[in-house]
Amino acid sequence: MRNDTVFANRNIDKVMPLASTVKIIIAIEYAEQCANGKLNPDELVSLSDLDKFYIPNTDGGAHPSWLKSVKDKITEGKISIREIAKGMIKFSSNANTEWLLNKLGIQNVNARIDSLGLKNHTKIYNIVSALFVGKELFPEIKGKELEAKLKELSMNDYIETTNRIHKKLLSDTTYKKKLVIGV
């Protein structure tokens, strides 16, 4: 585009996945809640609570790298929410992201999309939990057949499944162990 003249465009109306850029919206909601006194960034959180959402070998080493970088900031197995948010952005830790989504309220993060005036953005959902939608809904199916089944799901059904998985990860440590086999 130059001088209000479009020279080229491609897929301008197609919704495209933006992967970890969704973390920016989560960070904005985090900052808003801290600024409004709804969230204390210095509140300490047990690393075991974060670990509920860490799935080894799925984030390119982001979460372990973050943990290594904050080892001097961990007190009695706890870390501040501020450091969790920093780890989400600086290291792209998916475990930190899913934990923050839960703490902030996923409905609040999705409402932030609207307040920012973002158009054509799909709802944000639990990204670690999304890794297990196939195993949760179609445990016996693999490969191309599984891919086809997942594509048949509506976005609402997909998100509802990620929410169910998220709740199980929060409350049942054996559930995560069963799912991680074969990841």
N, C-alpha and C. Protein backbone atom coordinates (compact mmCIF):
# COMPACT_ATOMS: atom_id res chain seq x y z
N MET A 1 0.85 -1.16 0.00
CA MET A 1 0.00 0.00 0.00
C MET A 1 0.90 1.23 0.00
N ARG A 2 0.52 2.20 -0.81
CA ARG A 2 1.21 3.48 -0.83
C ARG A 2 0.20 4.54 -1.21
N ASN A 3 0.20 5.63 -0.45
CA ASN A 3 -0.74 6.73 -0.71
C ASN A 3 -2.18 6.23 -0.85
N ASP A 4 -2.57 5.38 0.06
CA ASP A 4 -3.92 4.82 0.10
C ASP A 4 -4.27 3.95 -1.11
N THR A 5 -3.28 3.56 -1.88
CA THR A 5 -3.51 2.67 -3.02
C THR A 5 -2.96 1.29 -2.69
N VAL A 6 -3.83 0.28 -2.80
CA VAL A 6 -3.41 -1.10 -2.53
C VAL A 6 -2.79 -1.67 -3.80
N PHE A 7 -1.55 -2.12 -3.67
CA PHE A 7 -0.85 -2.71 -4.80
C PHE A 7 -0.98 -4.23 -4.82
N ALA A 8 -1.10 -4.81 -3.66
CA ALA A 8 -1.22 -6.26 -3.58
C ALA A 8 -1.88 -6.63 -2.26
N ASN A 9 -2.62 -7.71 -2.30
CA ASN A 9 -3.17 -8.26 -1.06
C ASN A 9 -3.39 -9.75 -1.27
N ARG A 10 -3.33 -10.46 -0.18
CA ARG A 10 -3.49 -11.90 -0.27
C ARG A 10 -4.14 -12.39 1.02
N ASN A 11 -5.21 -13.13 0.89
CA ASN A 11 -5.90 -13.71 2.04
C ASN A 11 -6.28 -12.66 3.08
N ILE A 12 -6.69 -11.48 2.63
CA ILE A 12 -6.95 -10.39 3.58
C ILE A 12 -8.13 -10.66 4.50
N ASP A 13 -9.04 -11.52 4.09
CA ASP A 13 -10.20 -11.83 4.92
C ASP A 13 -10.12 -13.20 5.57
N LYS A 14 -9.01 -13.89 5.38
CA LYS A 14 -8.86 -15.23 5.93
C LYS A 14 -8.27 -15.14 7.34
N VAL A 15 -8.93 -15.81 8.29
CA VAL A 15 -8.42 -15.87 9.66
C VAL A 15 -7.27 -16.86 9.68
N MET A 16 -6.12 -16.40 10.14
CA MET A 16 -4.91 -17.23 10.16
C MET A 16 -4.45 -17.42 11.61
N PRO A 17 -3.93 -18.61 11.93
CA PRO A 17 -3.40 -18.82 13.29
C PRO A 17 -2.13 -18.00 13.50
N LEU A 18 -2.05 -17.37 14.65
CA LEU A 18 -0.90 -16.52 14.93
C LEU A 18 -0.04 -17.08 16.05
N ALA A 19 -0.24 -18.32 16.40
CA ALA A 19 0.57 -19.03 17.39
C ALA A 19 0.80 -18.21 18.64
N SER A 20 2.04 -18.02 19.03
CA SER A 20 2.34 -17.39 20.32
C SER A 20 2.06 -15.90 20.39
N THR A 21 1.68 -15.27 19.30
CA THR A 21 1.33 -13.85 19.39
C THR A 21 0.11 -13.64 20.26
N VAL A 22 -0.67 -14.68 20.49
CA VAL A 22 -1.83 -14.61 21.38
C VAL A 22 -1.38 -14.23 22.79
N LYS A 23 -0.14 -14.52 23.11
CA LYS A 23 0.39 -14.22 24.44
C LYS A 23 0.44 -12.71 24.70
N ILE A 24 0.50 -11.94 23.66
CA ILE A 24 0.50 -10.47 23.81
C ILE A 24 -0.84 -10.02 24.38
N ILE A 25 -1.93 -10.59 23.89
CA ILE A 25 -3.25 -10.24 24.41
C ILE A 25 -3.36 -10.65 25.88
N ILE A 26 -2.83 -11.81 26.21
CA ILE A 26 -2.84 -12.26 27.61
C ILE A 26 -2.02 -11.31 28.47
N ALA A 27 -0.87 -10.87 27.96
CA ALA A 27 -0.03 -9.93 28.70
C ALA A 27 -0.74 -8.60 28.92
N ILE A 28 -1.51 -8.16 27.93
CA ILE A 28 -2.27 -6.91 28.09
C ILE A 28 -3.30 -7.07 29.20
N GLU A 29 -4.01 -8.19 29.22
CA GLU A 29 -5.00 -8.43 30.27
C GLU A 29 -4.31 -8.51 31.64
N TYR A 30 -3.15 -9.15 31.68
CA TYR A 30 -2.37 -9.21 32.93
C TYR A 30 -2.05 -7.79 33.41
N ALA A 31 -1.54 -6.96 32.52
CA ALA A 31 -1.17 -5.58 32.89
C ALA A 31 -2.38 -4.78 33.36
N GLU A 32 -3.51 -4.94 32.68
CA GLU A 32 -4.74 -4.24 33.07
C GLU A 32 -5.19 -4.66 34.46
N GLN A 33 -5.19 -5.97 34.72
CA GLN A 33 -5.63 -6.44 36.03
C GLN A 33 -4.68 -5.99 37.14
N CYS A 34 -3.39 -5.94 36.86
CA CYS A 34 -2.43 -5.44 37.85
C CYS A 34 -2.67 -3.95 38.10
N ALA A 35 -2.85 -3.19 37.02
CA ALA A 35 -3.05 -1.74 37.14
C ALA A 35 -4.34 -1.41 37.89
N ASN A 36 -5.36 -2.25 37.73
CA ASN A 36 -6.65 -2.02 38.38
C ASN A 36 -6.75 -2.64 39.77
N GLY A 37 -5.66 -3.22 40.25
CA GLY A 37 -5.65 -3.81 41.58
C GLY A 37 -6.38 -5.14 41.70
N LYS A 38 -6.75 -5.74 40.58
CA LYS A 38 -7.43 -7.03 40.61
C LYS A 38 -6.45 -8.19 40.79
N LEU A 39 -5.19 -7.93 40.49
CA LEU A 39 -4.16 -8.96 40.53
C LEU A 39 -2.90 -8.38 41.16
N ASN A 40 -2.32 -9.11 42.08
CA ASN A 40 -1.07 -8.70 42.71
C ASN A 40 0.08 -9.41 41.99
N PRO A 41 0.90 -8.68 41.25
CA PRO A 41 1.98 -9.32 40.50
C PRO A 41 3.04 -9.97 41.38
N ASP A 42 3.08 -9.59 42.66
CA ASP A 42 4.06 -10.15 43.58
C ASP A 42 3.55 -11.38 44.34
N GLU A 43 2.28 -11.74 44.09
CA GLU A 43 1.74 -12.96 44.71
C GLU A 43 2.60 -14.15 44.30
N LEU A 44 2.91 -15.00 45.26
CA LEU A 44 3.73 -16.17 44.98
C LEU A 44 2.87 -17.37 44.61
N VAL A 45 3.36 -18.11 43.64
CA VAL A 45 2.65 -19.27 43.11
C VAL A 45 3.57 -20.48 43.19
N SER A 46 3.03 -21.59 43.61
CA SER A 46 3.80 -22.82 43.69
C SER A 46 4.19 -23.30 42.29
N LEU A 47 5.44 -23.68 42.14
CA LEU A 47 5.88 -24.21 40.85
C LEU A 47 5.12 -25.49 40.50
N SER A 48 4.64 -26.20 41.51
CA SER A 48 3.86 -27.41 41.23
C SER A 48 2.54 -27.06 40.54
N ASP A 49 2.01 -25.86 40.81
CA ASP A 49 0.79 -25.43 40.11
C ASP A 49 1.08 -25.17 38.63
N LEU A 50 2.23 -24.59 38.34
CA LEU A 50 2.63 -24.37 36.95
C LEU A 50 2.91 -25.70 36.25
N ASP A 51 3.51 -26.61 36.98
CA ASP A 51 3.90 -27.89 36.40
C ASP A 51 2.71 -28.70 35.90
N LYS A 52 1.53 -28.42 36.40
CA LYS A 52 0.33 -29.11 35.92
C LYS A 52 0.14 -28.91 34.42
N PHE A 53 0.70 -27.80 33.90
CA PHE A 53 0.52 -27.47 32.49
C PHE A 53 1.79 -27.60 31.67
N TYR A 54 2.85 -28.13 32.28
CA TYR A 54 4.08 -28.32 31.52
C TYR A 54 4.12 -29.73 30.94
N ILE A 55 4.24 -29.81 29.64
CA ILE A 55 4.34 -31.08 28.95
C ILE A 55 5.73 -31.13 28.32
N PRO A 56 6.60 -32.00 28.82
CA PRO A 56 7.98 -32.05 28.30
C PRO A 56 8.03 -32.24 26.79
N ASN A 57 9.02 -31.61 26.20
CA ASN A 57 9.33 -31.75 24.77
C ASN A 57 8.24 -31.23 23.84
N THR A 58 7.45 -30.26 24.30
CA THR A 58 6.41 -29.70 23.43
C THR A 58 6.58 -28.20 23.21
N ASP A 59 7.58 -27.60 23.85
CA ASP A 59 7.71 -26.14 23.73
C ASP A 59 9.11 -25.69 23.33
N GLY A 60 9.88 -26.60 22.75
CA GLY A 60 11.22 -26.24 22.29
C GLY A 60 12.16 -25.86 23.42
N GLY A 61 11.88 -26.34 24.62
CA GLY A 61 12.73 -26.04 25.76
C GLY A 61 12.44 -24.71 26.43
N ALA A 62 11.34 -24.06 26.05
CA ALA A 62 11.02 -22.73 26.59
C ALA A 62 10.84 -22.75 28.11
N HIS A 63 10.03 -23.66 28.60
CA HIS A 63 9.74 -23.67 30.04
C HIS A 63 10.97 -24.01 30.87
N PRO A 64 11.73 -25.06 30.53
CA PRO A 64 12.95 -25.33 31.29
C PRO A 64 13.96 -24.17 31.24
N SER A 65 14.05 -23.51 30.10
CA SER A 65 14.95 -22.35 29.99
C SER A 65 14.50 -21.23 30.91
N TRP A 66 13.20 -20.99 30.96
CA TRP A 66 12.67 -19.97 31.87
C TRP A 66 12.99 -20.34 33.31
N LEU A 67 12.72 -21.59 33.70
CA LEU A 67 12.99 -22.02 35.07
C LEU A 67 14.46 -21.82 35.44
N LYS A 68 15.34 -22.13 34.52
CA LYS A 68 16.78 -21.94 34.76
C LYS A 68 17.09 -20.46 34.98
N SER A 69 16.43 -19.60 34.22
CA SER A 69 16.71 -18.15 34.30
C SER A 69 16.20 -17.52 35.60
N VAL A 70 15.20 -18.14 36.23
CA VAL A 70 14.61 -17.56 37.45
C VAL A 70 14.97 -18.34 38.71
N LYS A 71 15.94 -19.24 38.61
CA LYS A 71 16.25 -20.09 39.78
C LYS A 71 16.57 -19.28 41.03
N ASP A 72 17.15 -18.08 40.88
CA ASP A 72 17.47 -17.24 42.04
C ASP A 72 16.25 -16.48 42.55
N LYS A 73 15.14 -16.53 41.83
CA LYS A 73 13.93 -15.81 42.23
C LYS A 73 12.88 -16.75 42.83
N ILE A 74 13.22 -18.02 42.88
CA ILE A 74 12.31 -19.02 43.46
C ILE A 74 12.56 -19.10 44.96
N THR A 75 11.49 -18.95 45.72
CA THR A 75 11.57 -19.01 47.18
C THR A 75 10.65 -20.11 47.69
N GLU A 76 11.24 -21.10 48.32
CA GLU A 76 10.47 -22.22 48.88
C GLU A 76 9.53 -22.84 47.84
N GLY A 77 10.05 -23.02 46.63
CA GLY A 77 9.27 -23.65 45.57
C GLY A 77 8.20 -22.76 44.97
N LYS A 78 8.32 -21.44 45.20
CA LYS A 78 7.31 -20.51 44.68
C LYS A 78 7.97 -19.39 43.88
N ILE A 79 7.19 -18.84 42.96
CA ILE A 79 7.64 -17.76 42.08
C ILE A 79 6.52 -16.74 41.96
N SER A 80 6.86 -15.49 41.71
CA SER A 80 5.83 -14.44 41.61
C SER A 80 5.08 -14.52 40.28
N ILE A 81 3.86 -14.04 40.31
CA ILE A 81 3.06 -13.96 39.08
C ILE A 81 3.77 -13.08 38.05
N ARG A 82 4.45 -12.04 38.52
CA ARG A 82 5.20 -11.15 37.61
C ARG A 82 6.21 -11.97 36.79
N GLU A 83 6.93 -12.86 37.47
CA GLU A 83 7.93 -13.68 36.77
C GLU A 83 7.27 -14.70 35.84
N ILE A 84 6.10 -15.17 36.23
CA ILE A 84 5.36 -16.09 35.35
C ILE A 84 4.98 -15.37 34.06
N ALA A 85 4.48 -14.14 34.19
CA ALA A 85 4.11 -13.35 33.01
C ALA A 85 5.33 -13.06 32.14
N LYS A 86 6.43 -12.70 32.77
CA LYS A 86 7.66 -12.45 32.01
C LYS A 86 8.10 -13.71 31.26
N GLY A 87 7.99 -14.86 31.92
CA GLY A 87 8.37 -16.12 31.28
C GLY A 87 7.49 -16.47 30.10
N MET A 88 6.23 -16.07 30.19
CA MET A 88 5.31 -16.30 29.07
C MET A 88 5.77 -15.50 27.86
N ILE A 89 6.16 -14.24 28.08
CA ILE A 89 6.55 -13.37 26.97
C ILE A 89 7.99 -13.61 26.52
N LYS A 90 8.92 -13.56 27.44
CA LYS A 90 10.34 -13.64 27.08
C LYS A 90 10.74 -15.02 26.59
N PHE A 91 10.19 -16.08 27.21
CA PHE A 91 10.58 -17.44 26.86
C PHE A 91 9.50 -18.19 26.09
N SER A 92 8.31 -17.64 26.02
CA SER A 92 7.16 -18.26 25.36
C SER A 92 6.75 -19.57 26.02
N SER A 93 6.80 -19.59 27.34
CA SER A 93 6.40 -20.79 28.09
C SER A 93 4.90 -21.02 27.97
N ASN A 94 4.54 -22.14 27.39
CA ASN A 94 3.13 -22.49 27.25
C ASN A 94 2.50 -22.84 28.60
N ALA A 95 3.28 -23.43 29.49
CA ALA A 95 2.77 -23.74 30.84
C ALA A 95 2.40 -22.45 31.56
N ASN A 96 3.27 -21.45 31.48
CA ASN A 96 2.98 -20.16 32.10
C ASN A 96 1.74 -19.53 31.47
N THR A 97 1.62 -19.67 30.17
CA THR A 97 0.48 -19.10 29.45
C THR A 97 -0.83 -19.71 29.93
N GLU A 98 -0.88 -21.02 29.98
CA GLU A 98 -2.14 -21.67 30.40
C GLU A 98 -2.45 -21.35 31.86
N TRP A 99 -1.42 -21.30 32.71
CA TRP A 99 -1.65 -20.96 34.11
C TRP A 99 -2.21 -19.54 34.21
N LEU A 100 -1.61 -18.60 33.47
CA LEU A 100 -2.08 -17.21 33.50
C LEU A 100 -3.51 -17.08 32.97
N LEU A 101 -3.82 -17.81 31.91
CA LEU A 101 -5.20 -17.79 31.39
C LEU A 101 -6.18 -18.17 32.49
N ASN A 102 -5.82 -19.17 33.26
CA ASN A 102 -6.69 -19.62 34.35
C ASN A 102 -6.79 -18.54 35.43
N LYS A 103 -5.66 -17.96 35.80
CA LYS A 103 -5.64 -16.95 36.87
C LYS A 103 -6.40 -15.68 36.46
N LEU A 104 -6.18 -15.23 35.23
CA LEU A 104 -6.82 -14.01 34.74
C LEU A 104 -8.30 -14.22 34.43
N GLY A 105 -8.64 -15.45 34.10
CA GLY A 105 -9.99 -15.77 33.64
C GLY A 105 -10.02 -15.69 32.13
N ILE A 106 -10.15 -16.83 31.51
CA ILE A 106 -10.12 -16.88 30.04
C ILE A 106 -11.21 -15.99 29.44
N GLN A 107 -12.34 -15.87 30.15
CA GLN A 107 -13.42 -15.01 29.66
C GLN A 107 -12.97 -13.54 29.67
N ASN A 108 -12.14 -13.15 30.64
CA ASN A 108 -11.63 -11.78 30.68
C ASN A 108 -10.65 -11.51 29.54
N VAL A 109 -9.83 -12.51 29.24
CA VAL A 109 -8.87 -12.37 28.14
C VAL A 109 -9.62 -12.25 26.82
N ASN A 110 -10.65 -13.07 26.64
CA ASN A 110 -11.44 -12.98 25.41
C ASN A 110 -12.19 -11.66 25.32
N ALA A 111 -12.65 -11.13 26.44
CA ALA A 111 -13.30 -9.81 26.44
C ALA A 111 -12.30 -8.72 26.08
N ARG A 112 -11.04 -8.91 26.44
CA ARG A 112 -10.00 -7.93 26.11
C ARG A 112 -9.84 -7.81 24.60
N ILE A 113 -10.01 -8.90 23.88
CA ILE A 113 -9.93 -8.86 22.41
C ILE A 113 -10.92 -7.83 21.88
N ASP A 114 -12.15 -7.90 22.39
CA ASP A 114 -13.19 -6.97 21.95
C ASP A 114 -12.84 -5.54 22.34
N SER A 115 -12.36 -5.34 23.58
CA SER A 115 -12.06 -3.98 24.04
C SER A 115 -10.91 -3.36 23.27
N LEU A 116 -10.05 -4.20 22.70
CA LEU A 116 -8.94 -3.70 21.88
C LEU A 116 -9.38 -3.40 20.45
N GLY A 117 -10.62 -3.76 20.14
CA GLY A 117 -11.13 -3.51 18.80
C GLY A 117 -10.60 -4.46 17.74
N LEU A 118 -10.11 -5.61 18.18
CA LEU A 118 -9.59 -6.58 17.22
C LEU A 118 -10.75 -7.28 16.52
N LYS A 119 -10.71 -7.28 15.24
CA LYS A 119 -11.77 -7.89 14.43
C LYS A 119 -11.32 -9.26 13.92
N ASN A 120 -12.26 -10.12 13.71
CA ASN A 120 -12.00 -11.45 13.13
C ASN A 120 -10.97 -12.25 13.90
N HIS A 121 -10.98 -12.16 15.20
CA HIS A 121 -10.06 -12.94 16.03
C HIS A 121 -10.86 -14.08 16.66
N THR A 122 -10.35 -15.29 16.54
CA THR A 122 -11.03 -16.41 17.18
C THR A 122 -10.84 -16.31 18.69
N LYS A 123 -11.70 -16.99 19.42
CA LYS A 123 -11.58 -17.00 20.87
C LYS A 123 -10.26 -17.65 21.27
N ILE A 124 -9.69 -17.13 22.34
CA ILE A 124 -8.48 -17.72 22.90
C ILE A 124 -8.90 -18.92 23.73
N TYR A 125 -8.12 -19.98 23.64
CA TYR A 125 -8.41 -21.19 24.39
C TYR A 125 -7.12 -21.72 25.02
N ASN A 126 -7.26 -22.71 25.85
CA ASN A 126 -6.13 -23.28 26.58
C ASN A 126 -5.21 -24.04 25.63
N ILE A 127 -4.00 -23.51 25.43
CA ILE A 127 -3.13 -24.04 24.39
C ILE A 127 -2.44 -25.35 24.76
N VAL A 128 -2.12 -25.54 26.02
CA VAL A 128 -1.53 -26.82 26.43
C VAL A 128 -2.60 -27.91 26.36
N SER A 129 -3.77 -27.61 26.87
CA SER A 129 -4.88 -28.57 26.83
C SER A 129 -5.22 -28.97 25.40
N ALA A 130 -5.04 -28.04 24.47
CA ALA A 130 -5.35 -28.32 23.06
C ALA A 130 -4.48 -29.45 22.50
N LEU A 131 -3.31 -29.66 23.09
CA LEU A 131 -2.44 -30.75 22.63
C LEU A 131 -3.12 -32.11 22.75
N PHE A 132 -4.11 -32.21 23.62
CA PHE A 132 -4.69 -33.50 23.95
C PHE A 132 -6.12 -33.70 23.47
N VAL A 133 -6.61 -32.81 22.65
CA VAL A 133 -7.99 -32.93 22.16
C VAL A 133 -8.18 -34.26 21.43
N GLY A 134 -7.25 -34.61 20.58
CA GLY A 134 -7.35 -35.87 19.85
C GLY A 134 -7.38 -37.08 20.77
N LYS A 135 -6.48 -37.10 21.75
CA LYS A 135 -6.44 -38.22 22.69
C LYS A 135 -7.69 -38.28 23.56
N GLU A 136 -8.23 -37.12 23.88
CA GLU A 136 -9.43 -37.06 24.73
C GLU A 136 -10.67 -37.56 23.99
N LEU A 137 -10.85 -37.10 22.77
CA LEU A 137 -12.07 -37.42 22.03
C LEU A 137 -11.98 -38.70 21.21
N PHE A 138 -10.79 -38.98 20.68
CA PHE A 138 -10.63 -40.11 19.77
C PHE A 138 -9.38 -40.92 20.16
N PRO A 139 -9.39 -41.53 21.33
CA PRO A 139 -8.17 -42.17 21.84
C PRO A 139 -7.64 -43.33 20.99
N GLU A 140 -8.47 -43.95 20.20
CA GLU A 140 -8.04 -45.10 19.41
C GLU A 140 -7.63 -44.73 17.98
N ILE A 141 -7.82 -43.48 17.61
CA ILE A 141 -7.57 -43.06 16.23
C ILE A 141 -6.24 -42.31 16.15
N LYS A 142 -5.52 -42.53 15.03
CA LYS A 142 -4.23 -41.86 14.83
C LYS A 142 -4.10 -41.40 13.38
N GLY A 143 -3.06 -40.64 13.12
CA GLY A 143 -2.69 -40.27 11.77
C GLY A 143 -3.73 -39.44 11.03
N LYS A 144 -3.87 -39.74 9.75
CA LYS A 144 -4.77 -38.97 8.87
C LYS A 144 -6.22 -39.06 9.32
N GLU A 145 -6.60 -40.22 9.84
CA GLU A 145 -7.98 -40.39 10.31
C GLU A 145 -8.26 -39.45 11.48
N LEU A 146 -7.30 -39.35 12.40
CA LEU A 146 -7.45 -38.43 13.53
C LEU A 146 -7.49 -36.99 13.04
N GLU A 147 -6.62 -36.66 12.12
CA GLU A 147 -6.61 -35.30 11.55
C GLU A 147 -7.98 -34.96 10.96
N ALA A 148 -8.56 -35.88 10.23
CA ALA A 148 -9.88 -35.65 9.63
C ALA A 148 -10.95 -35.46 10.70
N LYS A 149 -10.91 -36.28 11.75
CA LYS A 149 -11.89 -36.15 12.84
C LYS A 149 -11.77 -34.79 13.53
N LEU A 150 -10.56 -34.34 13.77
CA LEU A 150 -10.35 -33.04 14.42
C LEU A 150 -10.84 -31.90 13.54
N LYS A 151 -10.64 -32.01 12.24
CA LYS A 151 -11.11 -30.96 11.32
C LYS A 151 -12.63 -30.88 11.27
N GLU A 152 -13.30 -31.99 11.57
CA GLU A 152 -14.76 -32.02 11.57
C GLU A 152 -15.36 -31.30 12.79
N LEU A 153 -14.58 -31.13 13.83
CA LEU A 153 -15.08 -30.49 15.05
C LEU A 153 -15.38 -29.02 14.80
N SER A 154 -16.47 -28.55 15.37
CA SER A 154 -16.72 -27.11 15.34
C SER A 154 -15.74 -26.44 16.30
N MET A 155 -15.49 -25.16 16.11
CA MET A 155 -14.59 -24.44 17.01
C MET A 155 -15.14 -24.47 18.44
N ASN A 156 -16.46 -24.36 18.59
CA ASN A 156 -17.05 -24.41 19.93
C ASN A 156 -16.79 -25.76 20.61
N ASP A 157 -16.96 -26.86 19.86
CA ASP A 157 -16.71 -28.18 20.43
C ASP A 157 -15.23 -28.34 20.79
N TYR A 158 -14.36 -27.82 19.94
CA TYR A 158 -12.92 -27.89 20.19
C TYR A 158 -12.58 -27.14 21.48
N ILE A 159 -13.08 -25.91 21.61
CA ILE A 159 -12.80 -25.10 22.79
C ILE A 159 -13.39 -25.73 24.05
N GLU A 160 -14.61 -26.26 23.96
CA GLU A 160 -15.21 -26.93 25.11
C GLU A 160 -14.36 -28.12 25.56
N THR A 161 -13.81 -28.84 24.59
CA THR A 161 -12.94 -29.97 24.93
C THR A 161 -11.67 -29.49 25.61
N THR A 162 -11.07 -28.40 25.11
CA THR A 162 -9.87 -27.88 25.78
C THR A 162 -10.20 -27.44 27.20
N ASN A 163 -11.38 -26.90 27.42
CA ASN A 163 -11.78 -26.49 28.77
C ASN A 163 -11.92 -27.69 29.71
N ARG A 164 -12.50 -28.78 29.20
CA ARG A 164 -12.63 -30.00 30.01
C ARG A 164 -11.25 -30.57 30.36
N ILE A 165 -10.38 -30.60 29.37
CA ILE A 165 -9.02 -31.10 29.60
C ILE A 165 -8.30 -30.22 30.62
N HIS A 166 -8.45 -28.91 30.48
CA HIS A 166 -7.83 -27.96 31.41
C HIS A 166 -8.27 -28.25 32.85
N LYS A 167 -9.55 -28.45 33.04
CA LYS A 167 -10.06 -28.74 34.39
C LYS A 167 -9.48 -30.04 34.94
N LYS A 168 -9.32 -31.03 34.07
CA LYS A 168 -8.73 -32.29 34.51
C LYS A 168 -7.25 -32.11 34.86
N LEU A 169 -6.53 -31.33 34.06
CA LEU A 169 -5.12 -31.07 34.36
C LEU A 169 -4.96 -30.35 35.70
N LEU A 170 -5.90 -29.47 36.00
CA LEU A 170 -5.87 -28.74 37.27
C LEU A 170 -6.06 -29.65 38.47
N SER A 171 -6.92 -30.64 38.33
CA SER A 171 -7.34 -31.40 39.51
C SER A 171 -6.86 -32.84 39.59
N ASP A 172 -6.35 -33.40 38.50
CA ASP A 172 -6.04 -34.83 38.50
C ASP A 172 -4.65 -35.07 37.89
N THR A 173 -3.64 -35.27 38.74
CA THR A 173 -2.28 -35.46 38.23
C THR A 173 -2.12 -36.77 37.45
N THR A 174 -2.93 -37.76 37.73
CA THR A 174 -2.83 -39.01 36.98
C THR A 174 -3.33 -38.83 35.55
N TYR A 175 -4.24 -37.90 35.34
CA TYR A 175 -4.76 -37.63 34.00
C TYR A 175 -3.62 -37.18 33.08
N LYS A 176 -2.82 -36.25 33.54
CA LYS A 176 -1.69 -35.75 32.74
C LYS A 176 -0.73 -36.89 32.41
N LYS A 177 -0.43 -37.71 33.38
CA LYS A 177 0.51 -38.82 33.16
C LYS A 177 -0.01 -39.77 32.08
N LYS A 178 -1.30 -40.04 32.09
CA LYS A 178 -1.90 -40.92 31.08
C LYS A 178 -1.82 -40.29 29.70
N LEU A 179 -2.05 -38.99 29.61
CA LEU A 179 -2.05 -38.31 28.32
C LEU A 179 -0.66 -38.15 27.73
N VAL A 180 0.32 -37.92 28.58
CA VAL A 180 1.66 -37.62 28.11
C VAL A 180 2.34 -38.82 27.47
N ILE A 181 1.93 -40.01 27.81
CA ILE A 181 2.52 -41.20 27.20
C ILE A 181 2.31 -41.11 25.69
N GLY A 182 3.41 -41.12 24.97
CA GLY A 182 3.34 -41.06 23.51
C GLY A 182 3.40 -39.68 22.92
N VAL A 183 3.52 -38.63 23.75
CA VAL A 183 3.63 -37.27 23.20
C VAL A 183 4.98 -37.09 22.59
